[in-house]
Amino acid sequence: MDNMNPDYRLNFPATTRNRDSIASVLSNYISPNSLLLEIASGSGEHGVFFQKKFPSITWQTSDPELVHRKSINSWIRHEGLYSKMPEPLDLDVEMRPWPITNRLVALIKGIVCINMIHISPWSCTRSLFEQSKKYLDQSNFLMLYGPFLRKERHTSESNLNFDQSLKIQNPLWGLRQLEEVNKLAEENGFKLDKVIDMPANNLSVIYRLK
């Protein structure tokens, strides 16, 4: 890449493993000519993949980390999507209010959060629901994807090990109990719409406002 546009692309291996299965779920919820807001977009690999997969929508990425936003912009440029995809928002889920313009508010039809809530403090999950409800209505959706713990079901050995490794890295991290997340959703006016089993012991969880 030239000096004017240095290549800051990051590669997160999990993205290529799960993007097709996540896209399959999204295809049941997105509507044409809508805008989806992705929280904690990371490298941007999901964003450009979904934008190309669903060309009729606009995929709005966001991330609080400058290195990630640089990667997202590089991926957008690399995939030739600059005329379609907006630049990532500098959005920290806990910094309120979110930097959402009135124009964006009018366009948002769904909010997607992939692999965030287990690598952030619980306060981030709380803020995710508290803020998301301001930008959605009953016809929209909030989708969480990632590994969860479930009280009524056996948790895989790999997820238990992953949970322990996360807590070693940061005691505020760790897999969340789905029932606790559902309770938090309920407190913020959301109802559980669907829980979808995904490959590698992950879940897609869809919420809608009541």
C-alpha atoms as a PDB file:
ATOM      1  CA  MET A   1       0.000   0.000   0.000  1.00  0.00           C
ATOM      2  CA  ASP A   2       1.243   3.496  -0.759  1.00  0.00           C
ATOM      3  CA  ASN A   3       2.551   5.997   1.754  1.00  0.00           C
ATOM      4  CA  MET A   4      -0.681   7.975   1.597  1.00  0.00           C
ATOM      5  CA  ASN A   5      -2.679   4.936   2.717  1.00  0.00           C
ATOM      6  CA  PRO A   6      -0.532   2.721   4.951  1.00  0.00           C
ATOM      7  CA  ASP A   7      -1.817  -0.780   5.577  1.00  0.00           C
ATOM      8  CA  TYR A   8      -2.959  -1.111   9.197  1.00  0.00           C
ATOM      9  CA  ARG A   9      -5.032  -4.261   8.653  1.00  0.00           C
ATOM     10  CA  LEU A  10      -5.176  -6.679  11.582  1.00  0.00           C
ATOM     11  CA  ASN A  11      -6.082 -10.350  11.270  1.00  0.00           C
ATOM     12  CA  PHE A  12      -8.182 -12.027  13.961  1.00  0.00           C
ATOM     13  CA  PRO A  13      -8.353 -15.772  13.156  1.00  0.00           C
ATOM     14  CA  ALA A  14     -11.731 -16.281  14.866  1.00  0.00           C
ATOM     15  CA  THR A  15     -13.349 -13.977  12.316  1.00  0.00           C
ATOM     16  CA  THR A  16     -12.869 -16.278   9.340  1.00  0.00           C
ATOM     17  CA  ARG A  17     -14.045 -19.234  11.417  1.00  0.00           C
ATOM     18  CA  ASN A  18     -17.366 -17.752  12.513  1.00  0.00           C
ATOM     19  CA  ARG A  19     -18.339 -15.152   9.908  1.00  0.00           C
ATOM     20  CA  ASP A  20     -20.372 -17.485   7.667  1.00  0.00           C
ATOM     21  CA  SER A  21     -22.437 -18.875  10.526  1.00  0.00           C
ATOM     22  CA  ILE A  22     -23.082 -15.368  11.908  1.00  0.00           C
ATOM     23  CA  ALA A  23     -24.084 -14.167   8.435  1.00  0.00           C
ATOM     24  CA  SER A  24     -26.562 -17.034   8.230  1.00  0.00           C
ATOM     25  CA  VAL A  25     -28.271 -15.796  11.397  1.00  0.00           C
ATOM     26  CA  LEU A  26     -28.163 -12.153  10.324  1.00  0.00           C
ATOM     27  CA  SER A  27     -29.857 -12.990   7.024  1.00  0.00           C
ATOM     28  CA  ASN A  28     -33.045 -13.759   8.978  1.00  0.00           C
ATOM     29  CA  TYR A  29     -33.129 -10.369  10.707  1.00  0.00           C
ATOM     30  CA  ILE A  30     -31.784  -7.666   8.433  1.00  0.00           C
ATOM     31  CA  SER A  31     -33.981  -5.637   6.110  1.00  0.00           C
ATOM     32  CA  PRO A  32     -32.851  -4.000   2.850  1.00  0.00           C
ATOM     33  CA  ASN A  33     -31.696  -0.388   2.849  1.00  0.00           C
ATOM     34  CA  SER A  34     -31.145  -0.404   6.603  1.00  0.00           C
ATOM     35  CA  LEU A  35     -28.121   0.397   8.701  1.00  0.00           C
ATOM     36  CA  LEU A  36     -26.665  -1.976  11.263  1.00  0.00           C
ATOM     37  CA  LEU A  37     -24.428  -0.668  14.015  1.00  0.00           C
ATOM     38  CA  GLU A  38     -21.656  -3.006  15.150  1.00  0.00           C
ATOM     39  CA  ILE A  39     -20.291  -2.430  18.642  1.00  0.00           C
ATOM     40  CA  ALA A  40     -16.625  -3.298  19.295  1.00  0.00           C
ATOM     41  CA  SER A  41     -15.775  -4.105  15.675  1.00  0.00           C
ATOM     42  CA  GLY A  42     -12.171  -5.060  16.406  1.00  0.00           C
ATOM     43  CA  SER A  43     -10.101  -5.598  13.271  1.00  0.00           C
ATOM     44  CA  GLY A  44     -13.006  -4.761  10.946  1.00  0.00           C
ATOM     45  CA  GLU A  45     -12.889  -8.136   9.211  1.00  0.00           C
ATOM     46  CA  HIS A  46     -16.463  -8.952  10.184  1.00  0.00           C
ATOM     47  CA  GLY A  47     -17.625  -5.544   9.028  1.00  0.00           C
ATOM     48  CA  VAL A  48     -16.264  -5.757   5.488  1.00  0.00           C
ATOM     49  CA  PHE A  49     -17.390  -9.360   5.137  1.00  0.00           C
ATOM     50  CA  PHE A  50     -20.970  -8.559   6.128  1.00  0.00           C
ATOM     51  CA  GLN A  51     -21.010  -5.423   3.979  1.00  0.00           C
ATOM     52  CA  LYS A  52     -20.045  -7.500   0.931  1.00  0.00           C
ATOM     53  CA  LYS A  53     -22.420 -10.306   1.913  1.00  0.00           C
ATOM     54  CA  PHE A  54     -25.373  -7.920   2.301  1.00  0.00           C
ATOM     55  CA  PRO A  55     -24.794  -5.129  -0.251  1.00  0.00           C
ATOM     56  CA  SER A  56     -28.275  -3.641   0.228  1.00  0.00           C
ATOM     57  CA  ILE A  57     -27.492  -2.527   3.792  1.00  0.00           C
ATOM     58  CA  THR A  58     -24.942  -0.197   5.372  1.00  0.00           C
ATOM     59  CA  TRP A  59     -22.667  -1.730   7.997  1.00  0.00           C
ATOM     60  CA  GLN A  60     -21.526   0.904  10.523  1.00  0.00           C
ATOM     61  CA  THR A  61     -18.502  -0.228  12.494  1.00  0.00           C
ATOM     62  CA  SER A  62     -17.284   1.221  15.787  1.00  0.00           C
ATOM     63  CA  ASP A  63     -14.460   0.668  18.242  1.00  0.00           C
ATOM     64  CA  PRO A  64     -12.843   2.622  21.110  1.00  0.00           C
ATOM     65  CA  GLU A  65      -9.307   1.583  20.154  1.00  0.00           C
ATOM     66  CA  LEU A  66      -7.448   3.719  17.602  1.00  0.00           C
ATOM     67  CA  VAL A  67      -5.414   0.735  16.376  1.00  0.00           C
ATOM     68  CA  HIS A  68      -8.677  -1.077  15.618  1.00  0.00           C
ATOM     69  CA  ARG A  69     -10.232   1.896  13.840  1.00  0.00           C
ATOM     70  CA  LYS A  70      -7.096   2.180  11.682  1.00  0.00           C
ATOM     71  CA  SER A  71      -7.412  -1.506  10.859  1.00  0.00           C
ATOM     72  CA  ILE A  72     -11.102  -1.100   9.999  1.00  0.00           C
ATOM     73  CA  ASN A  73     -10.345   1.793   7.648  1.00  0.00           C
ATOM     74  CA  SER A  74      -7.568  -0.196   5.991  1.00  0.00           C
ATOM     75  CA  TRP A  75      -9.903  -3.163   5.487  1.00  0.00           C
ATOM     76  CA  ILE A  76     -12.594  -0.896   4.032  1.00  0.00           C
ATOM     77  CA  ARG A  77     -10.046   0.560   1.627  1.00  0.00           C
ATOM     78  CA  HIS A  78      -8.554  -2.856   0.797  1.00  0.00           C
ATOM     79  CA  GLU A  79     -11.980  -4.264  -0.091  1.00  0.00           C
ATOM     80  CA  GLY A  80     -12.929  -1.228  -2.177  1.00  0.00           C
ATOM     81  CA  LEU A  81     -15.871  -0.371   0.068  1.00  0.00           C
ATOM     82  CA  TYR A  82     -15.148   3.280   0.824  1.00  0.00           C
ATOM     83  CA  SER A  83     -18.083   4.477  -1.294  1.00  0.00           C
ATOM     84  CA  LYS A  84     -20.429   2.213   0.683  1.00  0.00           C
ATOM     85  CA  MET A  85     -19.102   1.817   4.225  1.00  0.00           C
ATOM     86  CA  PRO A  86     -18.733   4.803   6.561  1.00  0.00           C
ATOM     87  CA  GLU A  87     -15.634   5.196   8.694  1.00  0.00           C
ATOM     88  CA  PRO A  88     -15.758   3.529  12.117  1.00  0.00           C
ATOM     89  CA  LEU A  89     -17.178   5.481  15.017  1.00  0.00           C
ATOM     90  CA  ASP A  90     -14.956   6.228  18.002  1.00  0.00           C
ATOM     91  CA  LEU A  91     -17.409   4.567  20.366  1.00  0.00           C
ATOM     92  CA  ASP A  92     -16.638   3.304  23.844  1.00  0.00           C
ATOM     93  CA  VAL A  93     -19.679   1.386  25.027  1.00  0.00           C
ATOM     94  CA  GLU A  94     -19.372   2.908  28.515  1.00  0.00           C
ATOM     95  CA  MET A  95     -18.913   6.522  27.400  1.00  0.00           C
ATOM     96  CA  ARG A  96     -22.365   8.074  27.375  1.00  0.00           C
ATOM     97  CA  PRO A  97     -24.047   9.255  25.327  1.00  0.00           C
ATOM     98  CA  TRP A  98     -22.786   7.283  22.361  1.00  0.00           C
ATOM     99  CA  PRO A  99     -21.610   9.475  19.449  1.00  0.00           C
ATOM    100  CA  ILE A 100     -24.664   8.699  17.319  1.00  0.00           C
ATOM    101  CA  THR A 101     -25.865  11.527  15.093  1.00  0.00           C
ATOM    102  CA  ASN A 102     -29.550  12.178  14.484  1.00  0.00           C
ATOM    103  CA  ARG A 103     -29.067  10.974  10.911  1.00  0.00           C
ATOM    104  CA  LEU A 104     -27.706   7.649  12.142  1.00  0.00           C
ATOM    105  CA  VAL A 105     -30.472   7.273  14.711  1.00  0.00           C
ATOM    106  CA  ALA A 106     -33.027   7.467  11.908  1.00  0.00           C
ATOM    107  CA  LEU A 107     -31.268   4.706   9.950  1.00  0.00           C
ATOM    108  CA  ILE A 108     -30.310   2.139  12.597  1.00  0.00           C
ATOM    109  CA  LYS A 109     -32.385  -1.038  12.334  1.00  0.00           C
ATOM    110  CA  GLY A 110     -30.209  -3.322  14.410  1.00  0.00           C
ATOM    111  CA  ILE A 111     -27.224  -3.426  16.751  1.00  0.00           C
ATOM    112  CA  VAL A 112     -24.723  -6.288  16.621  1.00  0.00           C
ATOM    113  CA  CYS A 113     -22.104  -7.098  19.260  1.00  0.00           C
ATOM    114  CA  ILE A 114     -19.726  -9.975  18.537  1.00  0.00           C
ATOM    115  CA  ASN A 115     -17.371 -11.451  21.129  1.00  0.00           C
ATOM    116  CA  MET A 116     -17.294  -8.439  23.442  1.00  0.00           C
ATOM    117  CA  ILE A 117     -19.125  -9.101  26.671  1.00  0.00           C
ATOM    118  CA  HIS A 118     -16.775 -11.845  27.917  1.00  0.00           C
ATOM    119  CA  ILE A 119     -13.635  -9.734  27.353  1.00  0.00           C
ATOM    120  CA  SER A 120     -14.910  -6.621  29.092  1.00  0.00           C
ATOM    121  CA  PRO A 121     -16.244  -5.781  32.548  1.00  0.00           C
ATOM    122  CA  TRP A 122     -19.900  -6.497  33.317  1.00  0.00           C
ATOM    123  CA  SER A 123     -20.474  -2.740  33.328  1.00  0.00           C
ATOM    124  CA  CYS A 124     -19.935  -2.779  29.553  1.00  0.00           C
ATOM    125  CA  THR A 125     -22.769  -5.262  29.079  1.00  0.00           C
ATOM    126  CA  ARG A 126     -24.981  -3.099  31.274  1.00  0.00           C
ATOM    127  CA  SER A 127     -24.149  -0.018  29.228  1.00  0.00           C
ATOM    128  CA  LEU A 128     -24.729  -1.930  25.982  1.00  0.00           C
ATOM    129  CA  PHE A 129     -28.362  -2.562  26.908  1.00  0.00           C
ATOM    130  CA  GLU A 130     -28.934   0.836  28.505  1.00  0.00           C
ATOM    131  CA  GLN A 131     -27.687   2.675  25.438  1.00  0.00           C
ATOM    132  CA  SER A 132     -29.016   0.337  22.737  1.00  0.00           C
ATOM    133  CA  LYS A 133     -32.610   0.850  23.821  1.00  0.00           C
ATOM    134  CA  LYS A 134     -32.273   4.531  22.893  1.00  0.00           C
ATOM    135  CA  TYR A 135     -31.589   3.715  19.257  1.00  0.00           C
ATOM    136  CA  LEU A 136     -33.930   0.804  18.570  1.00  0.00           C
ATOM    137  CA  ASP A 137     -37.669   0.258  18.353  1.00  0.00           C
ATOM    138  CA  GLN A 138     -39.824  -2.853  18.544  1.00  0.00           C
ATOM    139  CA  SER A 139     -39.198  -3.784  14.918  1.00  0.00           C
ATOM    140  CA  ASN A 140     -35.397  -3.711  15.372  1.00  0.00           C
ATOM    141  CA  PHE A 141     -33.061  -6.175  17.074  1.00  0.00           C
ATOM    142  CA  LEU A 142     -30.011  -6.410  19.284  1.00  0.00           C
ATOM    143  CA  MET A 143     -27.788  -9.419  18.603  1.00  0.00           C
ATOM    144  CA  LEU A 144     -25.066 -10.778  20.858  1.00  0.00           C
ATOM    145  CA  TYR A 145     -22.689 -13.476  19.678  1.00  0.00           C
ATOM    146  CA  GLY A 146     -20.125 -15.409  21.668  1.00  0.00           C
ATOM    147  CA  PRO A 147     -19.608 -18.070  24.336  1.00  0.00           C
ATOM    148  CA  PHE A 148     -21.951 -18.159  27.336  1.00  0.00           C
ATOM    149  CA  LEU A 149     -22.529 -20.179  30.476  1.00  0.00           C
ATOM    150  CA  ARG A 150     -26.014 -21.661  30.929  1.00  0.00           C
ATOM    151  CA  LYS A 151     -27.423 -22.874  34.232  1.00  0.00           C
ATOM    152  CA  GLU A 152     -29.748 -25.450  32.748  1.00  0.00           C
ATOM    153  CA  ARG A 153     -27.298 -26.951  30.271  1.00  0.00           C
ATOM    154  CA  HIS A 154     -23.928 -28.609  30.374  1.00  0.00           C
ATOM    155  CA  THR A 155     -21.085 -26.194  29.672  1.00  0.00           C
ATOM    156  CA  SER A 156     -18.402 -27.599  27.390  1.00  0.00           C
ATOM    157  CA  GLU A 157     -14.962 -28.244  28.792  1.00  0.00           C
ATOM    158  CA  SER A 158     -13.484 -25.840  26.259  1.00  0.00           C
ATOM    159  CA  ASN A 159     -15.750 -23.005  27.422  1.00  0.00           C
ATOM    160  CA  LEU A 160     -14.960 -23.676  31.073  1.00  0.00           C
ATOM    161  CA  ASN A 161     -11.238 -23.591  30.294  1.00  0.00           C
ATOM    162  CA  PHE A 162     -11.701 -20.426  28.256  1.00  0.00           C
ATOM    163  CA  ASP A 163     -13.577 -18.814  31.132  1.00  0.00           C
ATOM    164  CA  GLN A 164     -10.719 -19.592  33.526  1.00  0.00           C
ATOM    165  CA  SER A 165      -8.082 -18.277  31.120  1.00  0.00           C
ATOM    166  CA  LEU A 166      -9.987 -15.012  30.713  1.00  0.00           C
ATOM    167  CA  LYS A 167     -10.276 -14.523  34.481  1.00  0.00           C
ATOM    168  CA  ILE A 168      -6.541 -15.074  34.824  1.00  0.00           C
ATOM    169  CA  GLN A 169      -5.943 -12.307  32.288  1.00  0.00           C
ATOM    170  CA  ASN A 170      -8.424  -9.984  33.969  1.00  0.00           C
ATOM    171  CA  PRO A 171     -10.636 -10.858  36.956  1.00  0.00           C
ATOM    172  CA  LEU A 172     -13.401  -8.627  35.523  1.00  0.00           C
ATOM    173  CA  TRP A 173     -13.581 -10.729  32.360  1.00  0.00           C
ATOM    174  CA  GLY A 174     -15.175 -14.124  31.874  1.00  0.00           C
ATOM    175  CA  LEU A 175     -18.047 -15.922  30.200  1.00  0.00           C
ATOM    176  CA  ARG A 176     -21.417 -14.519  31.262  1.00  0.00           C
ATOM    177  CA  GLN A 177     -24.381 -16.513  32.472  1.00  0.00           C
ATOM    178  CA  LEU A 178     -26.989 -16.267  29.750  1.00  0.00           C
ATOM    179  CA  GLU A 179     -29.698 -16.051  32.404  1.00  0.00           C
ATOM    180  CA  GLU A 180     -28.005 -13.024  33.972  1.00  0.00           C
ATOM    181  CA  VAL A 181     -27.688 -11.330  30.581  1.00  0.00           C
ATOM    182  CA  ASN A 182     -31.370 -12.042  29.907  1.00  0.00           C
ATOM    183  CA  LYS A 183     -32.278 -10.518  33.278  1.00  0.00           C
ATOM    184  CA  LEU A 184     -30.295  -7.387  32.447  1.00  0.00           C
ATOM    185  CA  ALA A 185     -32.008  -7.218  29.067  1.00  0.00           C
ATOM    186  CA  GLU A 186     -35.403  -7.497  30.745  1.00  0.00           C
ATOM    187  CA  GLU A 187     -34.551  -4.672  33.148  1.00  0.00           C
ATOM    188  CA  ASN A 188     -33.864  -2.469  30.128  1.00  0.00           C
ATOM    189  CA  GLY A 189     -37.092  -3.211  28.318  1.00  0.00           C
ATOM    190  CA  PHE A 190     -35.836  -5.991  26.038  1.00  0.00           C
ATOM    191  CA  LYS A 191     -37.336  -9.434  25.633  1.00  0.00           C
ATOM    192  CA  LEU A 192     -35.443 -12.520  24.559  1.00  0.00           C
ATOM    193  CA  ASP A 193     -36.429 -13.312  20.978  1.00  0.00           C
ATOM    194  CA  LYS A 194     -34.254 -16.317  20.171  1.00  0.00           C
ATOM    195  CA  VAL A 195     -31.188 -18.267  21.270  1.00  0.00           C
ATOM    196  CA  ILE A 196     -29.397 -19.956  18.386  1.00  0.00           C
ATOM    197  CA  ASP A 197     -26.753 -22.620  18.916  1.00  0.00           C
ATOM    198  CA  MET A 198     -23.658 -21.862  16.864  1.00  0.00           C
ATOM    199  CA  PRO A 199     -20.480 -23.803  16.008  1.00  0.00           C
ATOM    200  CA  ALA A 200     -17.667 -24.119  18.569  1.00  0.00           C
ATOM    201  CA  ASN A 201     -20.044 -23.860  21.562  1.00  0.00           C
ATOM    202  CA  ASN A 202     -21.051 -20.275  20.841  1.00  0.00           C
ATOM    203  CA  LEU A 203     -24.517 -18.719  20.806  1.00  0.00           C
ATOM    204  CA  SER A 204     -26.282 -16.016  18.859  1.00  0.00           C
ATOM    205  CA  VAL A 205     -28.800 -14.308  21.140  1.00  0.00           C
ATOM    206  CA  ILE A 206     -31.450 -12.025  19.683  1.00  0.00           C
ATOM    207  CA  TYR A 207     -33.303  -9.434  21.760  1.00  0.00           C
ATOM    208  CA  ARG A 208     -36.114  -7.073  20.848  1.00  0.00           C
ATOM    209  CA  LEU A 209     -37.693  -4.209  22.721  1.00  0.00           C
ATOM    210  CA  LYS A 210     -41.039  -5.051  24.301  1.00  0.00           C
END
